[in-house]
Amino acid sequence: MAARGARAPRGTGGPHTAAERRVGGRGAGRVETGVTRAIRAAREGAAADPRLAGLESLARTLAAGVDIAADQPYALAQLSPRLLDVLETLMLIPRTTHSDALTQLLADIATPTVPDDEE
């Protein structure tokens, strides 16, 4: 029997708290911290809107992925536009922030290239 106050395992076992789920036990990175602050600021002291919980969670997950992928251009290029889209949907950034130039740059980075000698 589990100790009083202990968390029951979810799903197949695995980590149960945000800290336990973090890759290598790392803390929140700069992007994840910024997204969390933006979400809290947008609420302006109001309770969380349960209708936005999924999007807010997705924004935090994508932000954590961006932090982890900071030195991996392909992964960063895949995650960044998706994070920007979610932030726009949550109205945490203006629609004009996600420019065509940024979109093109991320698309260029995300496209694998074949060196000339391999063709």
Protein backbone atom coordinates (compact mmCIF):
# COMPACT_ATOMS: atom_id res chain seq x y z
CA MET A 1 0.00 0.00 0.00
CA ALA A 2 1.29 3.47 -0.89
CA ALA A 3 2.24 5.87 1.85
CA ARG A 4 -0.27 8.53 2.65
CA GLY A 5 0.18 11.54 0.36
CA ALA A 6 2.29 9.57 -2.12
CA ARG A 7 1.41 9.89 -5.76
CA ALA A 8 -0.08 6.89 -7.47
CA PRO A 9 1.75 5.87 -10.64
CA ARG A 10 0.30 7.26 -13.86
CA GLY A 11 0.18 5.32 -17.10
CA THR A 12 2.98 2.81 -17.34
CA GLY A 13 4.98 4.06 -14.40
CA GLY A 14 7.72 6.52 -15.25
CA PRO A 15 8.25 10.01 -13.85
CA HIS A 16 5.42 11.70 -12.00
CA THR A 17 6.57 15.26 -11.45
CA ALA A 18 7.81 17.90 -13.88
CA ALA A 19 11.28 17.74 -12.33
CA GLU A 20 11.40 13.96 -12.70
CA ARG A 21 10.32 14.18 -16.34
CA ARG A 22 13.04 16.67 -17.28
CA VAL A 23 15.78 15.27 -19.46
CA GLY A 24 18.75 14.47 -17.27
CA GLY A 25 17.07 16.25 -14.35
CA ARG A 26 17.85 19.64 -15.91
CA GLY A 27 15.96 22.73 -14.81
CA ALA A 28 13.86 24.87 -17.11
CA GLY A 29 15.86 26.62 -19.83
CA ARG A 30 15.60 30.21 -21.02
CA VAL A 31 12.86 29.64 -23.59
CA GLU A 32 10.75 27.46 -21.30
CA THR A 33 11.12 29.98 -18.48
CA GLY A 34 10.13 32.82 -20.81
CA VAL A 35 7.06 30.99 -22.08
CA THR A 36 5.97 30.14 -18.53
CA ARG A 37 6.36 33.80 -17.51
CA ALA A 38 4.40 34.97 -20.56
CA ILE A 39 1.56 32.57 -19.79
CA ARG A 40 1.41 33.73 -16.17
CA ALA A 41 1.53 37.40 -17.18
CA ALA A 42 -1.26 36.89 -19.72
CA ARG A 43 -3.51 35.56 -16.98
CA GLU A 44 -3.09 38.80 -15.01
CA GLY A 45 -3.80 37.10 -11.70
CA ALA A 46 -6.86 35.26 -13.03
CA ALA A 47 -7.23 31.52 -12.68
CA ALA A 48 -6.01 29.37 -15.56
CA ASP A 49 -8.57 28.88 -18.33
CA PRO A 50 -9.08 25.11 -18.62
CA ARG A 51 -9.88 25.53 -22.31
CA LEU A 52 -6.31 26.72 -22.89
CA ALA A 53 -4.57 24.15 -20.70
CA GLY A 54 -3.62 21.90 -23.60
CA LEU A 55 -2.17 24.76 -25.65
CA GLU A 56 -0.28 26.14 -22.65
CA SER A 57 1.17 22.70 -21.96
CA LEU A 58 2.13 22.32 -25.62
CA ALA A 59 3.81 25.74 -25.57
CA ARG A 60 5.86 24.76 -22.51
CA THR A 61 6.80 21.39 -24.05
CA LEU A 62 7.88 22.99 -27.32
CA ALA A 63 9.83 25.63 -25.39
CA ALA A 64 11.66 22.90 -23.45
CA GLY A 65 12.42 21.21 -26.77
CA VAL A 66 13.85 24.45 -28.16
CA ASP A 67 16.07 24.74 -25.08
CA ILE A 68 17.32 21.18 -25.54
CA ALA A 69 17.80 21.64 -29.31
CA ALA A 70 19.67 24.95 -29.01
CA ASP A 71 22.80 23.51 -30.61
CA GLN A 72 20.99 21.31 -33.14
CA PRO A 73 19.97 23.48 -36.14
CA TYR A 74 17.68 20.93 -37.77
CA ALA A 75 15.70 20.19 -34.59
CA LEU A 76 15.60 23.89 -33.70
CA ALA A 77 14.26 24.71 -37.16
CA GLN A 78 11.54 22.09 -36.75
CA LEU A 79 10.42 23.22 -33.30
CA SER A 80 10.67 27.01 -33.56
CA PRO A 81 7.87 27.65 -36.10
CA ARG A 82 5.55 25.35 -34.19
CA LEU A 83 6.27 27.17 -30.94
CA LEU A 84 5.68 30.54 -32.61
CA ASP A 85 2.35 29.28 -33.99
CA VAL A 86 1.22 28.14 -30.52
CA LEU A 87 2.33 31.43 -28.94
CA GLU A 88 0.37 33.33 -31.60
CA THR A 89 -2.71 31.18 -30.97
CA LEU A 90 -2.45 31.93 -27.24
CA MET A 91 -2.03 35.61 -28.18
CA LEU A 92 1.26 35.80 -26.29
CA ILE A 93 3.07 37.35 -29.26
CA PRO A 94 1.73 39.60 -32.01
CA ARG A 95 0.95 37.92 -35.32
CA THR A 96 3.50 40.18 -37.03
CA THR A 97 6.37 38.68 -35.01
CA HIS A 98 6.37 35.52 -37.12
CA SER A 99 7.74 37.13 -40.28
CA ASP A 100 8.10 35.63 -43.74
CA ALA A 101 11.88 36.05 -43.52
CA LEU A 102 12.02 34.02 -40.30
CA THR A 103 9.75 31.38 -41.79
CA GLN A 104 12.00 31.11 -44.86
CA LEU A 105 15.18 30.96 -42.76
CA LEU A 106 13.77 28.16 -40.60
CA ALA A 107 12.60 26.30 -43.71
CA ASP A 108 16.07 26.59 -45.23
CA ILE A 109 17.71 25.29 -42.06
CA ALA A 110 15.21 22.42 -41.83
CA THR A 111 15.90 21.23 -45.38
CA PRO A 112 18.63 18.59 -45.39
CA THR A 113 21.33 19.26 -47.94
CA VAL A 114 23.34 16.74 -49.92
CA PRO A 115 27.00 17.62 -50.47
CA ASP A 116 27.97 17.98 -54.15
CA ASP A 117 30.33 14.97 -53.99
CA GLU A 118 27.45 12.64 -53.01
CA GLU A 119 25.26 13.40 -56.03
